[in-house]
Amino acid sequence: MTTTQLSDLTRLLPSPAEDVRTAPIVAAGLLGGYSAARFTGNRPLGGVVLGLAGALAARTWVARRGPGTAAALGAVYILGFGLSHPLAKRIGAWPSVLTVTAASAAAAHVLSDGAAER
């Protein structure tokens, strides 16, 4: 990808990054990633949805709160995805996805979005 192509892509992103609410993006990434994988039978497609939403949220976390908080929130997001699998064996797939989505979105709100409102 050339610099020009990358520049064209970044113009499609909401700007400035600090104005983007990340809790809904996190929820869309986890719910959308699971839904895409489940309903199409294409797990890599679910990974693309999860990854794109995570990258968009991370952009805002870095801009708003710095790399440390961004790393912590990224870990919560990825761990939520990973933990949803064993949790699904105990409580079912949808309840598991909803649980980790709520926890990840809440973390994004408290550590990033809520801090922007103060």
PDB file of N, CA and C in Angstrom:
ATOM      1  N   MET A   1       0.846  -1.166   0.000  1.00  0.00           N
ATOM      2  CA  MET A   1       0.000   0.000   0.000  1.00  0.00           C
ATOM      3  C   MET A   1       0.896   1.236   0.000  1.00  0.00           C
ATOM      4  N   THR A   2       0.600   2.148  -0.881  1.00  0.00           N
ATOM      5  CA  THR A   2       1.397   3.367  -0.965  1.00  0.00           C
ATOM      6  C   THR A   2       0.942   4.370   0.095  1.00  0.00           C
ATOM      7  N   THR A   3       1.760   5.388   0.308  1.00  0.00           N
ATOM      8  CA  THR A   3       1.424   6.434   1.260  1.00  0.00           C
ATOM      9  C   THR A   3       0.156   7.162   0.841  1.00  0.00           C
ATOM     10  N   THR A   4      -0.008   7.379  -0.443  1.00  0.00           N
ATOM     11  CA  THR A   4      -1.203   8.051  -0.959  1.00  0.00           C
ATOM     12  C   THR A   4      -2.443   7.224  -0.672  1.00  0.00           C
ATOM     13  N   GLN A   5      -2.371   5.917  -0.890  1.00  0.00           N
ATOM     14  CA  GLN A   5      -3.515   5.049  -0.620  1.00  0.00           C
ATOM     15  C   GLN A   5      -3.847   5.043   0.862  1.00  0.00           C
ATOM     16  N   LEU A   6      -2.827   5.008   1.714  1.00  0.00           N
ATOM     17  CA  LEU A   6      -3.049   5.039   3.146  1.00  0.00           C
ATOM     18  C   LEU A   6      -3.673   6.357   3.569  1.00  0.00           C
ATOM     19  N   SER A   7      -3.214   7.442   2.998  1.00  0.00           N
ATOM     20  CA  SER A   7      -3.778   8.756   3.287  1.00  0.00           C
ATOM     21  C   SER A   7      -5.245   8.819   2.876  1.00  0.00           C
ATOM     22  N   ASP A   8      -5.563   8.234   1.737  1.00  0.00           N
ATOM     23  CA  ASP A   8      -6.957   8.192   1.291  1.00  0.00           C
ATOM     24  C   ASP A   8      -7.822   7.408   2.272  1.00  0.00           C
ATOM     25  N   LEU A   9      -7.290   6.324   2.805  1.00  0.00           N
ATOM     26  CA  LEU A   9      -8.041   5.508   3.764  1.00  0.00           C
ATOM     27  C   LEU A   9      -8.270   6.246   5.072  1.00  0.00           C
ATOM     28  N   THR A  10      -7.269   6.979   5.544  1.00  0.00           N
ATOM     29  CA  THR A  10      -7.418   7.663   6.823  1.00  0.00           C
ATOM     30  C   THR A  10      -8.451   8.782   6.756  1.00  0.00           C
ATOM     31  N   ARG A  11      -8.696   9.304   5.563  1.00  0.00           N
ATOM     32  CA  ARG A  11      -9.735  10.331   5.427  1.00  0.00           C
ATOM     33  C   ARG A  11     -11.122   9.760   5.640  1.00  0.00           C
ATOM     34  N   LEU A  12     -11.271   8.444   5.540  1.00  0.00           N
ATOM     35  CA  LEU A  12     -12.562   7.806   5.766  1.00  0.00           C
ATOM     36  C   LEU A  12     -12.870   7.639   7.255  1.00  0.00           C
ATOM     37  N   LEU A  13     -11.850   7.731   8.100  1.00  0.00           N
ATOM     38  CA  LEU A  13     -12.040   7.541   9.534  1.00  0.00           C
ATOM     39  C   LEU A  13     -12.620   8.798  10.167  1.00  0.00           C
ATOM     40  N   PRO A  14     -13.434   8.601  11.219  1.00  0.00           N
ATOM     41  CA  PRO A  14     -13.928   9.775  11.941  1.00  0.00           C
ATOM     42  C   PRO A  14     -12.761  10.573  12.485  1.00  0.00           C
ATOM     43  N   SER A  15     -12.873  11.873  12.423  1.00  0.00           N
ATOM     44  CA  SER A  15     -11.772  12.697  12.866  1.00  0.00           C
ATOM     45  C   SER A  15     -12.319  13.889  13.616  1.00  0.00           C
ATOM     46  N   PRO A  16     -11.697  14.378  14.612  1.00  0.00           N
ATOM     47  CA  PRO A  16     -10.480  13.834  15.184  1.00  0.00           C
ATOM     48  C   PRO A  16     -10.761  12.584  16.005  1.00  0.00           C
ATOM     49  N   ALA A  17      -9.744  11.798  16.195  1.00  0.00           N
ATOM     50  CA  ALA A  17      -9.878  10.512  16.883  1.00  0.00           C
ATOM     51  C   ALA A  17     -10.444  10.677  18.290  1.00  0.00           C
ATOM     52  N   GLU A  18     -10.129  11.772  18.947  1.00  0.00           N
ATOM     53  CA  GLU A  18     -10.585  11.989  20.320  1.00  0.00           C
ATOM     54  C   GLU A  18     -12.097  12.080  20.444  1.00  0.00           C
ATOM     55  N   ASP A  19     -12.794  12.370  19.354  1.00  0.00           N
ATOM     56  CA  ASP A  19     -14.240  12.552  19.398  1.00  0.00           C
ATOM     57  C   ASP A  19     -15.035  11.253  19.240  1.00  0.00           C
ATOM     58  N   VAL A  20     -14.359  10.163  18.979  1.00  0.00           N
ATOM     59  CA  VAL A  20     -15.037   8.899  18.704  1.00  0.00           C
ATOM     60  C   VAL A  20     -15.324   8.163  20.004  1.00  0.00           C
ATOM     61  N   ARG A  21     -16.563   7.738  20.193  1.00  0.00           N
ATOM     62  CA  ARG A  21     -16.945   6.915  21.341  1.00  0.00           C
ATOM     63  C   ARG A  21     -16.553   5.475  21.045  1.00  0.00           C
ATOM     64  N   THR A  22     -15.800   4.855  21.923  1.00  0.00           N
ATOM     65  CA  THR A  22     -15.267   3.529  21.630  1.00  0.00           C
ATOM     66  C   THR A  22     -16.093   2.377  22.186  1.00  0.00           C
ATOM     67  N   ALA A  23     -16.897   2.605  23.216  1.00  0.00           N
ATOM     68  CA  ALA A  23     -17.703   1.505  23.757  1.00  0.00           C
ATOM     69  C   ALA A  23     -18.613   0.896  22.681  1.00  0.00           C
ATOM     70  N   PRO A  24     -19.287   1.702  21.867  1.00  0.00           N
ATOM     71  CA  PRO A  24     -20.108   1.096  20.803  1.00  0.00           C
ATOM     72  C   PRO A  24     -19.272   0.377  19.741  1.00  0.00           C
ATOM     73  N   ILE A  25     -18.069   0.867  19.500  1.00  0.00           N
ATOM     74  CA  ILE A  25     -17.192   0.214  18.519  1.00  0.00           C
ATOM     75  C   ILE A  25     -16.752  -1.147  19.044  1.00  0.00           C
ATOM     76  N   VAL A  26     -16.394  -1.195  20.320  1.00  0.00           N
ATOM     77  CA  VAL A  26     -16.002  -2.454  20.951  1.00  0.00           C
ATOM     78  C   VAL A  26     -17.164  -3.450  20.881  1.00  0.00           C
ATOM     79  N   ALA A  27     -18.357  -2.985  21.212  1.00  0.00           N
ATOM     80  CA  ALA A  27     -19.536  -3.861  21.161  1.00  0.00           C
ATOM     81  C   ALA A  27     -19.786  -4.344  19.737  1.00  0.00           C
ATOM     82  N   ALA A  28     -19.674  -3.447  18.780  1.00  0.00           N
ATOM     83  CA  ALA A  28     -19.885  -3.840  17.381  1.00  0.00           C
ATOM     84  C   ALA A  28     -18.839  -4.844  16.919  1.00  0.00           C
ATOM     85  N   GLY A  29     -17.605  -4.676  17.374  1.00  0.00           N
ATOM     86  CA  GLY A  29     -16.541  -5.599  16.978  1.00  0.00           C
ATOM     87  C   GLY A  29     -16.761  -7.000  17.516  1.00  0.00           C
ATOM     88  N   LEU A  30     -17.106  -7.100  18.796  1.00  0.00           N
ATOM     89  CA  LEU A  30     -17.312  -8.419  19.396  1.00  0.00           C
ATOM     90  C   LEU A  30     -18.605  -9.075  18.910  1.00  0.00           C
ATOM     91  N   LEU A  31     -19.694  -8.322  18.936  1.00  0.00           N
ATOM     92  CA  LEU A  31     -20.966  -8.881  18.465  1.00  0.00           C
ATOM     93  C   LEU A  31     -20.956  -9.117  16.962  1.00  0.00           C
ATOM     94  N   GLY A  32     -20.421  -8.150  16.235  1.00  0.00           N
ATOM     95  CA  GLY A  32     -20.366  -8.265  14.776  1.00  0.00           C
ATOM     96  C   GLY A  32     -19.417  -9.353  14.319  1.00  0.00           C
ATOM     97  N   GLY A  33     -18.290  -9.478  14.994  1.00  0.00           N
ATOM     98  CA  GLY A  33     -17.334 -10.528  14.645  1.00  0.00           C
ATOM     99  C   GLY A  33     -17.930 -11.906  14.868  1.00  0.00           C
ATOM    100  N   TYR A  34     -18.585 -12.085  16.016  1.00  0.00           N
ATOM    101  CA  TYR A  34     -19.217 -13.369  16.297  1.00  0.00           C
ATOM    102  C   TYR A  34     -20.332 -13.651  15.284  1.00  0.00           C
ATOM    103  N   SER A  35     -21.162 -12.661  15.042  1.00  0.00           N
ATOM    104  CA  SER A  35     -22.279 -12.840  14.102  1.00  0.00           C
ATOM    105  C   SER A  35     -21.796 -13.158  12.700  1.00  0.00           C
ATOM    106  N   ALA A  36     -20.789 -12.432  12.249  1.00  0.00           N
ATOM    107  CA  ALA A  36     -20.262 -12.671  10.903  1.00  0.00           C
ATOM    108  C   ALA A  36     -19.732 -14.098  10.780  1.00  0.00           C
ATOM    109  N   ALA A  37     -18.995 -14.551  11.781  1.00  0.00           N
ATOM    110  CA  ALA A  37     -18.447 -15.908  11.742  1.00  0.00           C
ATOM    111  C   ALA A  37     -19.545 -16.957  11.821  1.00  0.00           C
ATOM    112  N   ARG A  38     -20.487 -16.735  12.705  1.00  0.00           N
ATOM    113  CA  ARG A  38     -21.544 -17.734  12.913  1.00  0.00           C
ATOM    114  C   ARG A  38     -22.486 -17.840  11.720  1.00  0.00           C
ATOM    115  N   PHE A  39     -22.950 -16.725  11.223  1.00  0.00           N
ATOM    116  CA  PHE A  39     -23.995 -16.764  10.202  1.00  0.00           C
ATOM    117  C   PHE A  39     -23.473 -16.988   8.790  1.00  0.00           C
ATOM    118  N   THR A  40     -22.187 -16.720   8.573  1.00  0.00           N
ATOM    119  CA  THR A  40     -21.623 -17.012   7.245  1.00  0.00           C
ATOM    120  C   THR A  40     -20.852 -18.323   7.244  1.00  0.00           C
ATOM    121  N   GLY A  41     -20.507 -18.823   8.429  1.00  0.00           N
ATOM    122  CA  GLY A  41     -19.672 -20.013   8.513  1.00  0.00           C
ATOM    123  C   GLY A  41     -18.214 -19.719   8.175  1.00  0.00           C
ATOM    124  N   ASN A  42     -17.869 -18.457   8.062  1.00  0.00           N
ATOM    125  CA  ASN A  42     -16.528 -18.022   7.673  1.00  0.00           C
ATOM    126  C   ASN A  42     -15.856 -17.362   8.873  1.00  0.00           C
ATOM    127  N   ARG A  43     -15.103 -18.147   9.639  1.00  0.00           N
ATOM    128  CA  ARG A  43     -14.457 -17.620  10.840  1.00  0.00           C
ATOM    129  C   ARG A  43     -13.462 -16.495  10.544  1.00  0.00           C
ATOM    130  N   PRO A  44     -12.693 -16.582   9.462  1.00  0.00           N
ATOM    131  CA  PRO A  44     -11.787 -15.458   9.177  1.00  0.00           C
ATOM    132  C   PRO A  44     -12.531 -14.132   8.964  1.00  0.00           C
ATOM    133  N   LEU A  45     -13.724 -14.185   8.411  1.00  0.00           N
ATOM    134  CA  LEU A  45     -14.510 -12.960   8.242  1.00  0.00           C
ATOM    135  C   LEU A  45     -14.832 -12.350   9.601  1.00  0.00           C
ATOM    136  N   GLY A  46     -15.175 -13.189  10.562  1.00  0.00           N
ATOM    137  CA  GLY A  46     -15.405 -12.702  11.919  1.00  0.00           C
ATOM    138  C   GLY A  46     -14.158 -12.062  12.496  1.00  0.00           C
ATOM    139  N   GLY A  47     -13.004 -12.635  12.208  1.00  0.00           N
ATOM    140  CA  GLY A  47     -11.745 -12.059  12.662  1.00  0.00           C
ATOM    141  C   GLY A  47     -11.459 -10.706  12.043  1.00  0.00           C
ATOM    142  N   VAL A  48     -11.840 -10.532  10.790  1.00  0.00           N
ATOM    143  CA  VAL A  48     -11.654  -9.238  10.118  1.00  0.00           C
ATOM    144  C   VAL A  48     -12.515  -8.177  10.790  1.00  0.00           C
ATOM    145  N   VAL A  49     -13.768  -8.516  11.062  1.00  0.00           N
ATOM    146  CA  VAL A  49     -14.667  -7.569  11.728  1.00  0.00           C
ATOM    147  C   VAL A  49     -14.103  -7.204  13.107  1.00  0.00           C
ATOM    148  N   LEU A  50     -13.704  -8.213  13.867  1.00  0.00           N
ATOM    149  CA  LEU A  50     -13.126  -7.998  15.192  1.00  0.00           C
ATOM    150  C   LEU A  50     -11.882  -7.110  15.101  1.00  0.00           C
ATOM    151  N   GLY A  51     -11.009  -7.408  14.145  1.00  0.00           N
ATOM    152  CA  GLY A  51      -9.773  -6.651  13.989  1.00  0.00           C
ATOM    153  C   GLY A  51      -9.979  -5.205  13.569  1.00  0.00           C
ATOM    154  N   LEU A  52     -10.872  -4.981  12.628  1.00  0.00           N
ATOM    155  CA  LEU A  52     -11.125  -3.608  12.167  1.00  0.00           C
ATOM    156  C   LEU A  52     -11.707  -2.748  13.282  1.00  0.00           C
ATOM    157  N   ALA A  53     -12.662  -3.298  14.016  1.00  0.00           N
ATOM    158  CA  ALA A  53     -13.250  -2.538  15.124  1.00  0.00           C
ATOM    159  C   ALA A  53     -12.195  -2.269  16.201  1.00  0.00           C
ATOM    160  N   GLY A  54     -11.381  -3.268  16.487  1.00  0.00           N
ATOM    161  CA  GLY A  54     -10.319  -3.083  17.479  1.00  0.00           C
ATOM    162  C   GLY A  54      -9.320  -2.014  17.061  1.00  0.00           C
ATOM    163  N   ALA A  55      -8.973  -1.994  15.798  1.00  0.00           N
ATOM    164  CA  ALA A  55      -8.026  -0.990  15.302  1.00  0.00           C
ATOM    165  C   ALA A  55      -8.616   0.417  15.382  1.00  0.00           C
ATOM    166  N   LEU A  56      -9.891   0.549  15.044  1.00  0.00           N
ATOM    167  CA  LEU A  56     -10.537   1.862  15.116  1.00  0.00           C
ATOM    168  C   LEU A  56     -10.614   2.336  16.564  1.00  0.00           C
ATOM    169  N   ALA A  57     -10.991   1.443  17.473  1.00  0.00           N
ATOM    170  CA  ALA A  57     -11.049   1.816  18.890  1.00  0.00           C
ATOM    171  C   ALA A  57      -9.655   2.167  19.416  1.00  0.00           C
ATOM    172  N   ALA A  58      -8.656   1.382  19.047  1.00  0.00           N
ATOM    173  CA  ALA A  58      -7.293   1.626  19.517  1.00  0.00           C
ATOM    174  C   ALA A  58      -6.783   2.994  19.070  1.00  0.00           C
ATOM    175  N   ARG A  59      -7.157   3.392  17.879  1.00  0.00           N
ATOM    176  CA  ARG A  59      -6.756   4.715  17.369  1.00  0.00           C
ATOM    177  C   ARG A  59      -7.234   5.807  18.327  1.00  0.00           C
ATOM    178  N   THR A  60      -8.451   5.690  18.788  1.00  0.00           N
ATOM    179  CA  THR A  60      -8.997   6.679  19.708  1.00  0.00           C
ATOM    180  C   THR A  60      -8.374   6.549  21.095  1.00  0.00           C
ATOM    181  N   TRP A  61      -8.177   5.322  21.563  1.00  0.00           N
ATOM    182  CA  TRP A  61      -7.578   5.135  22.885  1.00  0.00           C
ATOM    183  C   TRP A  61      -6.201   5.765  22.965  1.00  0.00           C
ATOM    184  N   VAL A  62      -5.405   5.586  21.928  1.00  0.00           N
ATOM    185  CA  VAL A  62      -4.056   6.181  21.914  1.00  0.00           C
ATOM    186  C   VAL A  62      -4.158   7.704  21.891  1.00  0.00           C
ATOM    187  N   ALA A  63      -5.032   8.233  21.048  1.00  0.00           N
ATOM    188  CA  ALA A  63      -5.153   9.685  20.923  1.00  0.00           C
ATOM    189  C   ALA A  63      -5.692  10.320  22.202  1.00  0.00           C
ATOM    190  N   ARG A  64      -6.613   9.643  22.842  1.00  0.00           N
ATOM    191  CA  ARG A  64      -7.281  10.227  23.999  1.00  0.00           C
ATOM    192  C   ARG A  64      -6.545   9.971  25.309  1.00  0.00           C
ATOM    193  N   ARG A  65      -6.032   8.754  25.512  1.00  0.00           N
ATOM    194  CA  ARG A  65      -5.499   8.362  26.821  1.00  0.00           C
ATOM    195  C   ARG A  65      -4.053   7.895  26.813  1.00  0.00           C
ATOM    196  N   GLY A  66      -3.464   7.737  25.627  1.00  0.00           N
ATOM    197  CA  GLY A  66      -2.071   7.335  25.545  1.00  0.00           C
ATOM    198  C   GLY A  66      -1.905   5.839  25.333  1.00  0.00           C
ATOM    199  N   PRO A  67      -0.669   5.424  25.042  1.00  0.00           N
ATOM    200  CA  PRO A  67      -0.422   4.026  24.688  1.00  0.00           C
ATOM    201  C   PRO A  67      -0.633   3.039  25.838  1.00  0.00           C
ATOM    202  N   GLY A  68      -0.414   3.447  27.077  1.00  0.00           N
ATOM    203  CA  GLY A  68      -0.602   2.536  28.201  1.00  0.00           C
ATOM    204  C   GLY A  68      -2.056   2.104  28.363  1.00  0.00           C
ATOM    205  N   THR A  69      -2.936   3.081  28.380  1.00  0.00           N
ATOM    206  CA  THR A  69      -4.366   2.773  28.486  1.00  0.00           C
ATOM    207  C   THR A  69      -4.842   2.043  27.244  1.00  0.00           C
ATOM    208  N   ALA A  70      -4.328   2.430  26.084  1.00  0.00           N
ATOM    209  CA  ALA A  70      -4.704   1.745  24.841  1.00  0.00           C
ATOM    210  C   ALA A  70      -4.312   0.274  24.900  1.00  0.00           C
ATOM    211  N   ALA A  71      -3.126  -0.008  25.428  1.00  0.00           N
ATOM    212  CA  ALA A  71      -2.681  -1.401  25.545  1.00  0.00           C
ATOM    213  C   ALA A  71      -3.572  -2.173  26.519  1.00  0.00           C
ATOM    214  N   ALA A  72      -3.928  -1.546  27.628  1.00  0.00           N
ATOM    215  CA  ALA A  72      -4.795  -2.209  28.613  1.00  0.00           C
ATOM    216  C   ALA A  72      -6.172  -2.500  28.020  1.00  0.00           C
ATOM    217  N   LEU A  73      -6.742  -1.524  27.333  1.00  0.00           N
ATOM    218  CA  LEU A  73      -8.059  -1.730  26.735  1.00  0.00           C
ATOM    219  C   LEU A  73      -7.998  -2.732  25.584  1.00  0.00           C
ATOM    220  N   GLY A  74      -6.920  -2.705  24.830  1.00  0.00           N
ATOM    221  CA  GLY A  74      -6.732  -3.705  23.774  1.00  0.00           C
ATOM    222  C   GLY A  74      -6.655  -5.105  24.349  1.00  0.00           C
ATOM    223  N   ALA A  75      -5.971  -5.238  25.493  1.00  0.00           N
ATOM    224  CA  ALA A  75      -5.875  -6.543  26.148  1.00  0.00           C
ATOM    225  C   ALA A  75      -7.239  -7.011  26.636  1.00  0.00           C
ATOM    226  N   VAL A  76      -8.025  -6.111  27.192  1.00  0.00           N
ATOM    227  CA  VAL A  76      -9.379  -6.473  27.633  1.00  0.00           C
ATOM    228  C   VAL A  76     -10.205  -6.951  26.439  1.00  0.00           C
ATOM    229  N   TYR A  77     -10.089  -6.256  25.332  1.00  0.00           N
ATOM    230  CA  TYR A  77     -10.839  -6.592  24.109  1.00  0.00           C
ATOM    231  C   TYR A  77     -10.437  -7.978  23.595  1.00  0.00           C
ATOM    232  N   ILE A  78      -9.152  -8.215  23.472  1.00  0.00           N
ATOM    233  CA  ILE A  78      -8.660  -9.504  22.952  1.00  0.00           C
ATOM    234  C   ILE A  78      -8.918 -10.631  23.944  1.00  0.00           C
ATOM    235  N   LEU A  79      -8.694 -10.363  25.233  1.00  0.00           N
ATOM    236  CA  LEU A  79      -8.976 -11.382  26.245  1.00  0.00           C
ATOM    237  C   LEU A  79     -10.462 -11.713  26.296  1.00  0.00           C
ATOM    238  N   GLY A  80     -11.301 -10.698  26.111  1.00  0.00           N
ATOM    239  CA  GLY A  80     -12.741 -10.955  26.064  1.00  0.00           C
ATOM    240  C   GLY A  80     -13.086 -11.919  24.939  1.00  0.00           C
ATOM    241  N   PHE A  81     -12.508 -11.677  23.784  1.00  0.00           N
ATOM    242  CA  PHE A  81     -12.713 -12.580  22.650  1.00  0.00           C
ATOM    243  C   PHE A  81     -12.232 -13.988  22.999  1.00  0.00           C
ATOM    244  N   GLY A  82     -11.041 -14.085  23.541  1.00  0.00           N
ATOM    245  CA  GLY A  82     -10.475 -15.389  23.867  1.00  0.00           C
ATOM    246  C   GLY A  82     -11.252 -16.112  24.956  1.00  0.00           C
ATOM    247  N   LEU A  83     -11.661 -15.387  25.983  1.00  0.00           N
ATOM    248  CA  LEU A  83     -12.387 -16.010  27.096  1.00  0.00           C
ATOM    249  C   LEU A  83     -13.823 -16.379  26.742  1.00  0.00           C
ATOM    250  N   SER A  84     -14.356 -15.776  25.692  1.00  0.00           N
ATOM    251  CA  SER A  84     -15.727 -16.113  25.308  1.00  0.00           C
ATOM    252  C   SER A  84     -15.849 -17.569  24.872  1.00  0.00           C
ATOM    253  N   HIS A  85     -14.761 -18.138  24.372  1.00  0.00           N
ATOM    254  CA  HIS A  85     -14.807 -19.522  23.897  1.00  0.00           C
ATOM    255  C   HIS A  85     -14.999 -20.524  25.033  1.00  0.00           C
ATOM    256  N   PRO A  86     -14.143 -20.531  26.071  1.00  0.00           N
ATOM    257  CA  PRO A  86     -14.398 -21.466  27.165  1.00  0.00           C
ATOM    258  C   PRO A  86     -15.668 -21.128  27.949  1.00  0.00           C
ATOM    259  N   LEU A  87     -15.987 -19.846  28.057  1.00  0.00           N
ATOM    260  CA  LEU A  87     -17.205 -19.447  28.750  1.00  0.00           C
ATOM    261  C   LEU A  87     -18.440 -19.977  28.027  1.00  0.00           C
ATOM    262  N   ALA A  88     -18.379 -20.024  26.704  1.00  0.00           N
ATOM    263  CA  ALA A  88     -19.513 -20.521  25.914  1.00  0.00           C
ATOM    264  C   ALA A  88     -19.829 -21.980  26.239  1.00  0.00           C
ATOM    265  N   LYS A  89     -18.834 -22.732  26.621  1.00  0.00           N
ATOM    266  CA  LYS A  89     -19.069 -24.140  26.984  1.00  0.00           C
ATOM    267  C   LYS A  89     -19.865 -24.248  28.279  1.00  0.00           C
ATOM    268  N   ARG A  90     -19.791 -23.229  29.110  1.00  0.00           N
ATOM    269  CA  ARG A  90     -20.502 -23.238  30.391  1.00  0.00           C
ATOM    270  C   ARG A  90     -21.887 -22.612  30.303  1.00  0.00           C
ATOM    271  N   ILE A  91     -21.994 -21.497  29.571  1.00  0.00           N
ATOM    272  CA  ILE A  91     -23.265 -20.758  29.600  1.00  0.00           C
ATOM    273  C   ILE A  91     -23.924 -20.618  28.230  1.00  0.00           C
ATOM    274  N   GLY A  92     -23.275 -21.082  27.179  1.00  0.00           N
ATOM    275  CA  GLY A  92     -23.824 -20.957  25.832  1.00  0.00           C
ATOM    276  C   GLY A  92     -23.128 -19.857  25.056  1.00  0.00           C
ATOM    277  N   ALA A  93     -23.236 -19.941  23.735  1.00  0.00           N
ATOM    278  CA  ALA A  93     -22.500 -19.014  22.873  1.00  0.00           C
ATOM    279  C   ALA A  93     -22.970 -17.569  23.010  1.00  0.00           C
ATOM    280  N   TRP A  94     -24.255 -17.310  22.789  1.00  0.00           N
ATOM    281  CA  TRP A  94     -24.721 -15.931  22.847  1.00  0.00           C
ATOM    282  C   TRP A  94     -24.564 -15.313  24.234  1.00  0.00           C
ATOM    283  N   PRO A  95     -24.951 -16.017  25.315  1.00  0.00           N
ATOM    284  CA  PRO A  95     -24.712 -15.414  26.637  1.00  0.00           C
ATOM    285  C   PRO A  95     -23.235 -15.099  26.882  1.00  0.00           C
ATOM    286  N   SER A  96     -22.357 -15.948  26.398  1.00  0.00           N
ATOM    287  CA  SER A  96     -20.926 -15.722  26.555  1.00  0.00           C
ATOM    288  C   SER A  96     -20.487 -14.468  25.806  1.00  0.00           C
ATOM    289  N   VAL A  97     -20.901 -14.358  24.566  1.00  0.00           N
ATOM    290  CA  VAL A  97     -20.526 -13.194  23.757  1.00  0.00           C
ATOM    291  C   VAL A  97     -21.098 -11.914  24.368  1.00  0.00           C
ATOM    292  N   LEU A  98     -22.326 -11.970  24.827  1.00  0.00           N
ATOM    293  CA  LEU A  98     -22.941 -10.790  25.442  1.00  0.00           C
ATOM    294  C   LEU A  98     -22.221 -10.396  26.734  1.00  0.00           C
ATOM    295  N   THR A  99     -21.794 -11.376  27.509  1.00  0.00           N
ATOM    296  CA  THR A  99     -21.088 -11.107  28.763  1.00  0.00           C
ATOM    297  C   THR A  99     -19.750 -10.426  28.512  1.00  0.00           C
ATOM    298  N   VAL A 100     -18.936 -10.989  27.619  1.00  0.00           N
ATOM    299  CA  VAL A 100     -17.627 -10.381  27.368  1.00  0.00           C
ATOM    300  C   VAL A 100     -17.769  -9.044  26.654  1.00  0.00           C
ATOM    301  N   THR A 101     -18.806  -8.898  25.841  1.00  0.00           N
ATOM    302  CA  THR A 101     -19.047  -7.619  25.173  1.00  0.00           C
ATOM    303  C   THR A 101     -19.387  -6.544  26.197  1.00  0.00           C
ATOM    304  N   ALA A 102     -20.260  -6.883  27.141  1.00  0.00           N
ATOM    305  CA  ALA A 102     -20.628  -5.908  28.180  1.00  0.00           C
ATOM    306  C   ALA A 102     -19.405  -5.504  29.004  1.00  0.00           C
ATOM    307  N   ALA A 103     -18.579  -6.470  29.371  1.00  0.00           N
ATOM    308  CA  ALA A 103     -17.385  -6.164  30.169  1.00  0.00           C
ATOM    309  C   ALA A 103     -16.400  -5.300  29.380  1.00  0.00           C
ATOM    310  N   SER A 104     -16.174  -5.638  28.124  1.00  0.00           N
ATOM    311  CA  SER A 104     -15.214  -4.883  27.304  1.00  0.00           C
ATOM    312  C   SER A 104     -15.720  -3.477  27.010  1.00  0.00           C
ATOM    313  N   ALA A 105     -17.002  -3.349  26.694  1.00  0.00           N
ATOM    314  CA  ALA A 105     -17.566  -2.026  26.411  1.00  0.00           C
ATOM    315  C   ALA A 105     -17.574  -1.163  27.670  1.00  0.00           C
ATOM    316  N   ALA A 106     -17.860  -1.776  28.817  1.00  0.00           N
ATOM    317  CA  ALA A 106     -17.831  -1.026  30.075  1.00  0.00           C
ATOM    318  C   ALA A 106     -16.427  -0.514  30.368  1.00  0.00           C
ATOM    319  N   ALA A 107     -15.433  -1.354  30.147  1.00  0.00           N
ATOM    320  CA  ALA A 107     -14.044  -0.921  30.358  1.00  0.00           C
ATOM    321  C   ALA A 107     -13.690   0.244  29.437  1.00  0.00           C
ATOM    322  N   ALA A 108     -14.107   0.156  28.181  1.00  0.00           N
ATOM    323  CA  ALA A 108     -13.832   1.239  27.234  1.00  0.00           C
ATOM    324  C   ALA A 108     -14.517   2.529  27.673  1.00  0.00           C
ATOM    325  N   HIS A 109     -15.728   2.402  28.182  1.00  0.00           N
ATOM    326  CA  HIS A 109     -16.437   3.596  28.630  1.00  0.00           C
ATOM    327  C   HIS A 109     -15.758   4.223  29.847  1.00  0.00           C
ATOM    328  N   VAL A 110     -15.437   3.397  30.826  1.00  0.00           N
ATOM    329  CA  VAL A 110     -14.858   3.922  32.075  1.00  0.00           C
ATOM    330  C   VAL A 110     -13.463   4.493  31.845  1.00  0.00           C
ATOM    331  N   LEU A 111     -12.624   3.781  31.113  1.00  0.00           N
ATOM    332  CA  LEU A 111     -11.225   4.204  30.970  1.00  0.00           C
ATOM    333  C   LEU A 111     -10.968   5.187  29.838  1.00  0.00           C
ATOM    334  N   SER A 112     -11.896   5.284  28.876  1.00  0.00           N
ATOM    335  CA  SER A 112     -11.653   6.175  27.743  1.00  0.00           C
ATOM    336  C   SER A 112     -12.807   7.143  27.515  1.00  0.00           C
ATOM    337  N   ASP A 113     -13.970   6.613  27.209  1.00  0.00           N
ATOM    338  CA  ASP A 113     -15.094   7.471  26.828  1.00  0.00           C
ATOM    339  C   ASP A 113     -15.560   8.352  27.974  1.00  0.00           C
ATOM    340  N   GLY A 114     -15.706   7.774  29.152  1.00  0.00           N
ATOM    341  CA  GLY A 114     -16.146   8.536  30.325  1.00  0.00           C
ATOM    342  C   GLY A 114     -15.156   9.612  30.716  1.00  0.00           C
ATOM    343  N   ALA A 115     -13.869   9.296  30.555  1.00  0.00           N
ATOM    344  CA  ALA A 115     -12.824  10.275  30.868  1.00  0.00           C
ATOM    345  C   ALA A 115     -12.906  11.471  29.920  1.00  0.00           C
ATOM    346  N   ALA A 116     -13.365  11.244  28.696  1.00  0.00           N
ATOM    347  CA  ALA A 116     -13.473  12.328  27.716  1.00  0.00           C
ATOM    348  C   ALA A 116     -14.636  13.258  28.066  1.00  0.00           C
ATOM    349  N   GLU A 117     -15.628  12.737  28.790  1.00  0.00           N
ATOM    350  CA  GLU A 117     -16.797  13.541  29.141  1.00  0.00           C
ATOM    351  C   GLU A 117     -16.523  14.474  30.304  1.00  0.00           C
ATOM    352  N   ARG A 118     -15.495  14.164  31.098  1.00  0.00           N
ATOM    353  CA  ARG A 118     -15.215  14.970  32.306  1.00  0.00           C
ATOM    354  C   ARG A 118     -14.568  16.270  31.979  1.00  0.00           C
TER     355      ARG A 118
END
